Structures are given as C-alpha cells and as structure tokens.
Amino acid sequence: MADRGNYWQTSFQASDSFRERQRINGHQPARTVPVQADEAGPHRCERREWCASGERTEREDGSHGRMPALTPQPFCDADESIIYACLEELAGLHSRLAAAMLSGVTGEVLIRLPFGPSVPLRVDIDELQRLLVETALSWHERVATSDRLSVIDTQATHKQALGARSGKMLAHSSDVLKEHLGTLLYLAPGVMTRIPSPLMAAITPDAPVVGQGAGGTVLVMLSGADAGNEIMRLEYAGRATLLETDPAPEKLLGVQCRSCERRSLRRAARPQHDGDPVYASECADCGHLMTPLEYKQWTAMNARYWRLRVTPAQLAAKASISEDAAARLMAAVVA
C-alpha cells in the first residue's frame, strides 16, 4: 500500500485522474452518460466545501470558506481521482478492520458466541464492515443494471458476505465500480435500501427517506453524486476508526493571525517530504503560515503588547468571556 503521507497529495492532482490512468493503461472505462449531461454547462463540484480543487473565499459575514470548483462533471478531476483511489482501498480496508476487531476493546460490550466463551468485539468495526459491503454491493447492482452487465444476486451475496464478515464480494464490486466509474457518478436519483443508524446518517446525511423497507430498513433516494460522497466518507471513516488519519489540528488560543488579524491560528502540519519548509502555525481562515522563528517573534510582540496595554477587563469585554477566563488566557499567552 502506498505511503499514507503521500497518498492524498498525489490524489489531489487533476493530472492523476482516473481517466488519465485508464488512457495510459491503454483502455477507456465504459461511460454510458446522456449527452445532455455534459452539455448542461459547468456547475459546482458535488463534494461541496470539501472539494479538492476548491478555492478559499470570503463570505458576506467576513468569515472564510471553500468554494467548490466549477466542472462539467459531477465531481472535479481531483475528486474523481480520490473516489477511484478509495475504491482501490476498500477491500484492503475491510481486511484491516477485521484484524482490528478484537483490538482496543474496553469491555463495555460483550458478544456471547454459541459454544464458546464471552468474546469482546468492536461493534463499531462490525457495523462499519457491514456498511462497506452493503454500500459497494448496492452501487454495483445499480451500475450493472445501467450498463446491462450481469446483475449480481444481491440477496444471496449479502447473506454470504455479511454473514461471514469476509467481504468476499467487496473486491469484485470495487473493481466493477472502478471500471464503470463514469456510469456510477452520473447515475440519476433512484430508490435504494439502507439500514438506519447513526453511522449511516453521517455517511449520507442528506438522503431523503421515501419509505420503509423490509427488516427495519428504509428506502432513500440516492444519485451518483451520493455514491461518490458515500465512498469517500466510508473510506475515511474506516481509516479514522483504525487511527490512520491525522489528528485534529491543535488550536493556538489567544494569538491572532499576522495577516488577517483573526484568532484562528492552529499548529501547522508537519512536512510530508524531506526538504519541505517547516512551519509552526497556520491560520484556519486565510491560510497564512509562519515559520517557528516568525511565530516566536510574533507571540513575543503580542505578549509585550498585552502586558502593557490590555487588562483582563478589556479582554473580557471584547471577547465576551468572564474576567477570570480573560486573566488565565492572558497569563498563558504572556508566559
């Protein structure tokens, strides 16, 4: 498996799109897309504020956010590459989740197996594994129907794959979805079956429920844009469960940005490659970076200013916090 530090960086590059890789390999993936879909004109990438090609923009209230890139496709080339890479990762991710099923258990849930002792299992991993297989098989079925492929017997394969938790069908379904990625992402809204759960609500938060299915399932209306987002979120959820993602950035409280003067500084990410510049802080609003020396000089200057000109009462009034909290904040910054 590729180095995680470089994985997303290369995936973000538009030149590394799945179509380019298919052309290099000497074949073009099947893409049964209505002509008018591409002629409708450019629109915003369906990944929305998480678009890999999006640009930082300032909102009307003065805060900053990301504007999705314009693209004639459902997703920009960079996000298509990420979806393709996520599909490549699903089978291996399922195997790593299976290996972690018994690790890191605190004992809050015990599953009693027949003819054996009580075995603590990670029920969150169990749910995620089932959702991985269920999602891949359901989108496989829709792509197979759209491109007139041999339709898989989903009911039988679900019993086989989900009952054994082996994910035997996951690798095959992922390969089909990679080969027909264009078809997948252009699917029109259609009714699909999902098992309601907090995890499912996080993976597909905007799915409109249109009815009740059998066995406690719900019927939701999902399109190709939902497919791409589901795949990316599931892959990320799996890596987050295995602690393979970067931790949340540390906030640098009490220090304002040298560029936009907002108090949105956080600890900058460590360099991914040898020779890359090292930064101490990054502004979450404007993206301004400071080196360790610049950050040290800037915080020292701020500390002198606060010590001479600002009182805890003034800071409390400006920041809408208590005077005790303002005093503790000032002491932490000055120190």
Protein backbone atom coordinates (compact mmCIF):
# COMPACT_ATOMS: atom_id res chain seq x y z
CA MET A 1 0.00 0.00 0.00
CA ALA A 2 1.24 3.46 -0.82
CA ASP A 3 2.67 5.71 1.86
CA ARG A 4 -0.21 7.45 3.64
CA GLY A 5 1.71 10.70 3.80
CA ASN A 6 1.81 10.96 0.01
CA TYR A 7 -1.49 9.21 -0.75
CA TRP A 8 -3.87 12.16 -0.63
CA GLN A 9 -1.36 14.63 -2.03
CA THR A 10 -0.99 12.72 -5.28
CA SER A 11 -4.73 12.03 -5.41
CA PHE A 12 -5.50 15.74 -5.35
CA GLN A 13 -3.68 16.35 -8.62
CA ALA A 14 -6.03 16.70 -11.57
CA SER A 15 -3.45 15.14 -13.90
CA ASP A 16 -3.68 11.95 -11.85
CA SER A 17 -7.37 11.47 -12.63
CA PHE A 18 -8.75 8.00 -13.19
CA ARG A 19 -9.42 8.76 -16.87
CA GLU A 20 -5.77 9.68 -17.39
CA ARG A 21 -4.64 6.44 -15.76
CA GLN A 22 -7.06 4.47 -17.93
CA ARG A 23 -5.69 6.15 -21.07
CA ILE A 24 -2.12 5.39 -20.00
CA ASN A 25 -3.07 1.75 -19.46
CA GLY A 26 -4.42 1.60 -22.99
CA HIS A 27 -8.16 1.48 -22.47
CA GLN A 28 -11.02 3.82 -21.62
CA PRO A 29 -13.62 2.91 -19.00
CA ALA A 30 -17.20 2.42 -20.10
CA ARG A 31 -19.27 5.56 -19.64
CA THR A 32 -22.92 5.43 -20.59
CA VAL A 33 -23.82 9.07 -19.97
CA PRO A 34 -26.59 11.06 -21.67
CA VAL A 35 -25.12 13.68 -23.99
CA GLN A 36 -27.10 16.49 -22.38
CA ALA A 37 -25.44 15.80 -19.02
CA ASP A 38 -22.12 17.14 -20.26
CA GLU A 39 -23.75 19.93 -22.25
CA ALA A 40 -25.63 21.40 -19.29
CA GLY A 41 -22.69 23.67 -18.55
CA PRO A 42 -20.27 23.79 -15.65
CA HIS A 43 -21.55 23.56 -12.08
CA ARG A 44 -20.01 23.29 -8.65
CA CYS A 45 -18.32 20.02 -7.70
CA GLU A 46 -20.67 17.70 -5.79
CA ARG A 47 -18.13 17.32 -2.98
CA ARG A 48 -19.15 20.83 -1.97
CA GLU A 49 -16.98 22.58 0.62
CA TRP A 50 -14.62 19.58 0.75
CA CYS A 51 -13.81 19.85 -2.98
CA ALA A 52 -10.12 19.11 -3.52
CA SER A 53 -9.93 21.79 -6.24
CA GLY A 54 -11.96 24.36 -4.35
CA GLU A 55 -10.72 27.86 -3.63
CA ARG A 56 -10.75 29.76 -0.36
CA THR A 57 -13.31 32.55 -0.43
CA GLU A 58 -14.64 35.19 1.95
CA ARG A 59 -18.30 35.06 2.93
CA GLU A 60 -20.60 38.03 3.44
CA ASP A 61 -20.15 37.87 7.22
CA GLY A 62 -16.37 38.15 6.84
CA SER A 63 -15.59 34.50 7.60
CA HIS A 64 -13.72 32.33 5.15
CA GLY A 65 -14.72 29.07 3.49
CA ARG A 66 -14.08 26.97 0.39
CA MET A 67 -15.91 27.39 -2.90
CA PRO A 68 -16.20 24.12 -4.90
CA ALA A 69 -14.54 24.10 -8.29
CA LEU A 70 -16.55 24.50 -11.48
CA THR A 71 -16.74 21.31 -13.53
CA PRO A 72 -18.95 19.89 -16.32
CA GLN A 73 -18.87 16.54 -14.48
CA PRO A 74 -20.47 15.60 -11.16
CA PHE A 75 -17.04 15.82 -9.49
CA CYS A 76 -13.88 17.65 -10.45
CA ASP A 77 -10.95 15.58 -11.78
CA ALA A 78 -9.14 15.71 -8.44
CA ASP A 79 -12.14 14.31 -6.56
CA GLU A 80 -12.72 11.65 -9.21
CA SER A 81 -9.15 10.52 -8.59
CA ILE A 82 -9.85 10.36 -4.86
CA ILE A 83 -13.01 8.29 -5.42
CA TYR A 84 -11.05 5.91 -7.67
CA ALA A 85 -8.32 5.60 -5.04
CA CYS A 86 -10.91 4.98 -2.31
CA LEU A 87 -12.42 2.14 -4.34
CA GLU A 88 -8.96 0.62 -4.63
CA GLU A 89 -8.63 0.78 -0.85
CA LEU A 90 -11.99 -0.74 0.19
CA ALA A 91 -11.01 -4.43 0.11
CA GLY A 92 -7.76 -3.84 1.99
CA LEU A 93 -9.56 -1.58 4.44
CA HIS A 94 -12.10 -4.31 5.16
CA SER A 95 -9.27 -6.76 5.90
CA ARG A 96 -7.53 -4.32 8.26
CA LEU A 97 -10.81 -3.70 10.06
CA ALA A 98 -11.27 -7.45 10.51
CA ALA A 99 -7.79 -7.70 12.04
CA ALA A 100 -8.64 -4.88 14.45
CA MET A 101 -11.97 -6.42 15.53
CA LEU A 102 -10.53 -7.64 18.85
CA SER A 103 -8.03 -4.85 19.45
CA GLY A 104 -8.55 -1.83 21.68
CA VAL A 105 -11.69 -3.21 23.31
CA THR A 106 -12.56 -1.66 26.67
CA GLY A 107 -15.06 -4.35 27.57
CA GLU A 108 -18.19 -2.23 27.51
CA VAL A 109 -19.91 -4.67 25.10
CA LEU A 110 -19.72 -8.45 25.26
CA ILE A 111 -20.95 -10.65 22.42
CA ARG A 112 -21.66 -14.19 23.60
CA LEU A 113 -20.89 -16.71 20.89
CA PRO A 114 -22.55 -20.17 20.92
CA PHE A 115 -20.39 -23.00 22.30
CA GLY A 116 -17.65 -20.64 23.41
CA PRO A 117 -16.58 -18.05 25.93
CA SER A 118 -17.65 -14.41 26.04
CA VAL A 119 -15.56 -12.55 23.46
CA PRO A 120 -15.31 -8.73 23.45
CA LEU A 121 -15.79 -7.37 19.94
CA ARG A 122 -15.54 -3.89 18.46
CA VAL A 123 -19.16 -3.40 17.49
CA ASP A 124 -18.31 -0.13 15.74
CA ILE A 125 -15.93 -2.01 13.44
CA ASP A 126 -18.53 -4.71 12.86
CA GLU A 127 -21.08 -2.11 11.77
CA LEU A 128 -18.57 -0.36 9.53
CA GLN A 129 -17.59 -3.63 7.83
CA ARG A 130 -21.21 -4.44 7.10
CA LEU A 131 -21.82 -0.96 5.74
CA LEU A 132 -18.77 -1.19 3.47
CA VAL A 133 -20.02 -4.39 1.87
CA GLU A 134 -23.66 -3.26 1.74
CA THR A 135 -22.79 0.05 0.07
CA ALA A 136 -20.43 -1.43 -2.53
CA LEU A 137 -22.88 -4.20 -3.47
CA SER A 138 -25.84 -1.84 -3.76
CA TRP A 139 -23.99 0.54 -6.09
CA HIS A 140 -22.62 -2.46 -8.03
CA GLU A 141 -26.19 -3.56 -8.66
CA ARG A 142 -27.24 -0.15 -9.97
CA VAL A 143 -24.22 0.16 -12.25
CA ALA A 144 -24.78 -3.39 -13.55
CA THR A 145 -28.39 -2.53 -14.35
CA SER A 146 -27.45 0.75 -16.05
CA ASP A 147 -24.67 -0.73 -18.20
CA ARG A 148 -26.53 -4.02 -18.82
CA LEU A 149 -23.93 -6.12 -17.07
CA SER A 150 -24.68 -9.45 -15.47
CA VAL A 151 -26.68 -8.38 -12.41
CA ILE A 152 -25.44 -9.94 -9.19
CA ASP A 153 -27.84 -11.81 -6.96
CA THR A 154 -27.66 -9.27 -4.15
CA GLN A 155 -29.80 -11.16 -1.66
CA ALA A 156 -27.65 -14.29 -1.82
CA THR A 157 -24.35 -12.45 -1.90
CA HIS A 158 -25.38 -10.26 1.01
CA LYS A 159 -26.02 -13.35 3.13
CA GLN A 160 -22.69 -14.82 2.10
CA ALA A 161 -20.57 -11.71 2.51
CA LEU A 162 -22.28 -10.16 5.52
CA GLY A 163 -22.87 -13.38 7.40
CA ALA A 164 -19.23 -14.44 7.26
CA ARG A 165 -17.91 -10.85 7.51
CA SER A 166 -15.38 -11.88 4.89
CA GLY A 167 -16.07 -9.22 2.31
CA LYS A 168 -15.65 -11.80 -0.45
CA MET A 169 -17.78 -9.75 -2.83
CA LEU A 170 -16.22 -6.41 -1.89
CA ALA A 171 -13.11 -6.68 -4.06
CA HIS A 172 -15.14 -7.73 -7.11
CA SER A 173 -17.72 -4.97 -6.63
CA SER A 174 -14.96 -2.39 -6.16
CA ASP A 175 -13.31 -3.49 -9.41
CA VAL A 176 -16.61 -3.17 -11.30
CA LEU A 177 -17.23 0.30 -9.86
CA LYS A 178 -13.70 1.42 -10.80
CA GLU A 179 -14.13 0.16 -14.36
CA HIS A 180 -17.51 1.91 -14.70
CA LEU A 181 -16.80 4.96 -12.56
CA GLY A 182 -18.26 7.34 -15.14
CA THR A 183 -21.54 5.45 -15.11
CA LEU A 184 -21.58 5.36 -11.32
CA LEU A 185 -21.09 9.10 -10.85
CA TYR A 186 -23.72 10.00 -13.49
CA LEU A 187 -26.47 7.78 -12.05
CA ALA A 188 -29.82 9.55 -11.80
CA PRO A 189 -31.61 9.61 -8.43
CA GLY A 190 -33.10 6.22 -7.62
CA VAL A 191 -34.58 4.36 -4.67
CA MET A 192 -32.09 2.31 -2.65
CA THR A 193 -32.26 0.35 0.61
CA ARG A 194 -30.24 1.41 3.64
CA ILE A 195 -30.10 0.28 7.28
CA PRO A 196 -30.80 3.31 9.52
CA SER A 197 -28.05 4.01 12.05
CA PRO A 198 -26.01 6.98 13.32
CA LEU A 199 -23.13 5.87 11.10
CA MET A 200 -25.36 5.72 8.03
CA ALA A 201 -26.72 9.18 8.85
CA ALA A 202 -23.15 10.50 8.96
CA ILE A 203 -22.18 8.85 5.67
CA THR A 204 -25.27 10.07 3.77
CA PRO A 205 -26.64 12.98 5.82
CA ASP A 206 -28.88 14.50 3.14
CA ALA A 207 -30.52 11.31 1.80
CA PRO A 208 -34.31 11.86 1.63
CA VAL A 209 -36.25 8.93 3.08
CA VAL A 210 -39.13 7.95 0.77
CA GLY A 211 -40.46 4.85 2.53
CA GLN A 212 -39.90 1.87 4.79
CA GLY A 213 -38.29 -1.33 3.58
CA ALA A 214 -38.33 -4.86 4.89
CA GLY A 215 -36.46 -5.89 8.02
CA GLY A 216 -36.23 -2.43 9.56
CA THR A 217 -34.58 -0.86 6.51
CA VAL A 218 -35.50 2.45 4.92
CA LEU A 219 -35.85 3.45 1.28
CA VAL A 220 -33.82 6.52 0.33
CA MET A 221 -33.36 8.43 -2.91
CA LEU A 222 -29.69 8.43 -3.96
CA SER A 223 -27.84 9.54 -7.10
CA GLY A 224 -24.33 9.17 -8.50
CA ALA A 225 -23.22 12.23 -6.54
CA ASP A 226 -24.31 10.45 -3.35
CA ALA A 227 -22.34 7.39 -4.46
CA GLY A 228 -19.10 9.34 -4.76
CA ASN A 229 -19.58 11.03 -1.40
CA GLU A 230 -20.56 7.76 0.31
CA ILE A 231 -17.45 6.01 -0.95
CA MET A 232 -15.12 8.81 0.17
CA ARG A 233 -16.75 9.13 3.58
CA LEU A 234 -16.78 5.38 4.18
CA GLU A 235 -13.11 5.07 3.30
CA TYR A 236 -12.26 7.96 5.60
CA ALA A 237 -14.43 6.52 8.40
CA GLY A 238 -12.54 3.25 8.12
CA ARG A 239 -9.14 4.91 8.33
CA ALA A 240 -10.31 7.09 11.21
CA THR A 241 -11.51 4.01 13.09
CA LEU A 242 -8.09 2.42 12.58
CA LEU A 243 -6.38 5.68 13.71
CA GLU A 244 -4.73 6.05 10.30
CA THR A 245 -5.83 9.66 9.83
CA ASP A 246 -4.06 12.76 11.06
CA PRO A 247 -5.22 14.03 14.47
CA ALA A 248 -7.25 17.22 14.72
CA PRO A 249 -5.01 20.29 14.47
CA GLU A 250 -4.07 21.92 17.77
CA LYS A 251 -5.60 25.36 18.20
CA LEU A 252 -3.25 28.15 19.27
CA LEU A 253 -5.60 30.11 21.52
CA GLY A 254 -5.10 33.78 22.23
CA VAL A 255 -2.80 34.56 19.28
CA GLN A 256 -4.20 36.46 16.31
CA CYS A 257 -3.11 35.91 12.73
CA ARG A 258 -0.43 38.28 11.50
CA SER A 259 -2.21 38.61 8.15
CA CYS A 260 -5.99 38.74 8.74
CA GLU A 261 -5.82 39.53 12.49
CA ARG A 262 -8.32 36.78 13.33
CA ARG A 263 -7.70 34.46 16.26
CA SER A 264 -7.83 31.34 14.13
CA LEU A 265 -4.26 30.08 14.41
CA ARG A 266 -3.59 26.37 14.67
CA ARG A 267 -0.49 24.23 14.75
CA ALA A 268 0.78 23.71 11.19
CA ALA A 269 1.01 20.17 9.83
CA ARG A 270 4.43 18.60 9.77
CA PRO A 271 6.20 18.47 6.37
CA GLN A 272 5.42 15.40 4.28
CA HIS A 273 8.73 15.23 2.37
CA ASP A 274 12.38 15.77 3.21
CA GLY A 275 13.42 19.30 2.34
CA ASP A 276 9.92 20.78 2.64
CA PRO A 277 9.74 24.01 4.71
CA VAL A 278 8.76 23.67 8.36
CA TYR A 279 6.00 25.93 9.68
CA ALA A 280 4.87 26.49 13.25
CA SER A 281 1.38 27.90 12.67
CA GLU A 282 -1.34 28.18 10.03
CA CYS A 283 -4.40 30.43 10.00
CA ALA A 284 -7.62 28.47 9.54
CA ASP A 285 -9.29 31.50 7.91
CA CYS A 286 -6.75 32.94 5.47
CA GLY A 287 -4.14 30.16 5.36
CA HIS A 288 -1.23 32.39 6.37
CA LEU A 289 1.81 30.40 7.53
CA MET A 290 4.55 31.37 9.99
CA THR A 291 7.90 29.68 10.49
CA PRO A 292 8.98 28.76 14.05
CA LEU A 293 11.14 31.91 14.26
CA GLU A 294 8.37 34.15 12.92
CA TYR A 295 5.85 32.62 15.31
CA LYS A 296 8.18 33.09 18.29
CA GLN A 297 8.82 36.73 17.43
CA TRP A 298 5.13 37.40 16.76
CA THR A 299 3.93 35.86 20.04
CA ALA A 300 6.64 37.72 21.98
CA MET A 301 5.49 41.02 20.47
CA ASN A 302 1.86 40.18 21.26
CA ALA A 303 2.80 39.30 24.84
CA ARG A 304 4.52 42.67 25.34
CA TYR A 305 1.50 44.47 23.89
CA TRP A 306 -0.92 42.60 26.14
CA ARG A 307 1.19 43.15 29.22
CA LEU A 308 1.43 46.92 28.68
CA ARG A 309 -1.89 47.91 27.16
CA VAL A 310 -4.60 45.33 27.72
CA THR A 311 -6.25 44.49 31.03
CA PRO A 312 -8.30 41.35 31.77
CA ALA A 313 -11.44 43.50 31.97
CA GLN A 314 -10.83 44.91 28.48
CA LEU A 315 -10.21 41.45 27.03
CA ALA A 316 -13.29 40.04 28.76
CA ALA A 317 -15.46 42.80 27.29
CA LYS A 318 -14.01 42.34 23.79
CA ALA A 319 -14.16 38.55 23.71
CA SER A 320 -17.44 38.18 25.68
CA ILE A 321 -15.84 35.97 28.33
CA SER A 322 -15.51 36.20 32.08
CA GLU A 323 -12.75 38.32 33.60
CA ASP A 324 -11.24 35.26 35.29
CA ALA A 325 -11.07 33.45 31.98
CA ALA A 326 -9.50 36.50 30.37
CA ALA A 327 -6.88 36.66 33.12
CA ARG A 328 -5.98 32.98 32.65
CA LEU A 329 -5.78 33.44 28.89
CA MET A 330 -3.50 36.44 29.22
CA ALA A 331 -1.25 34.61 31.65
CA ALA A 332 -0.95 31.67 29.26
CA VAL A 333 -0.05 33.90 26.31
CA VAL A 334 2.38 36.09 28.24
CA ALA A 335 4.10 33.03 29.68
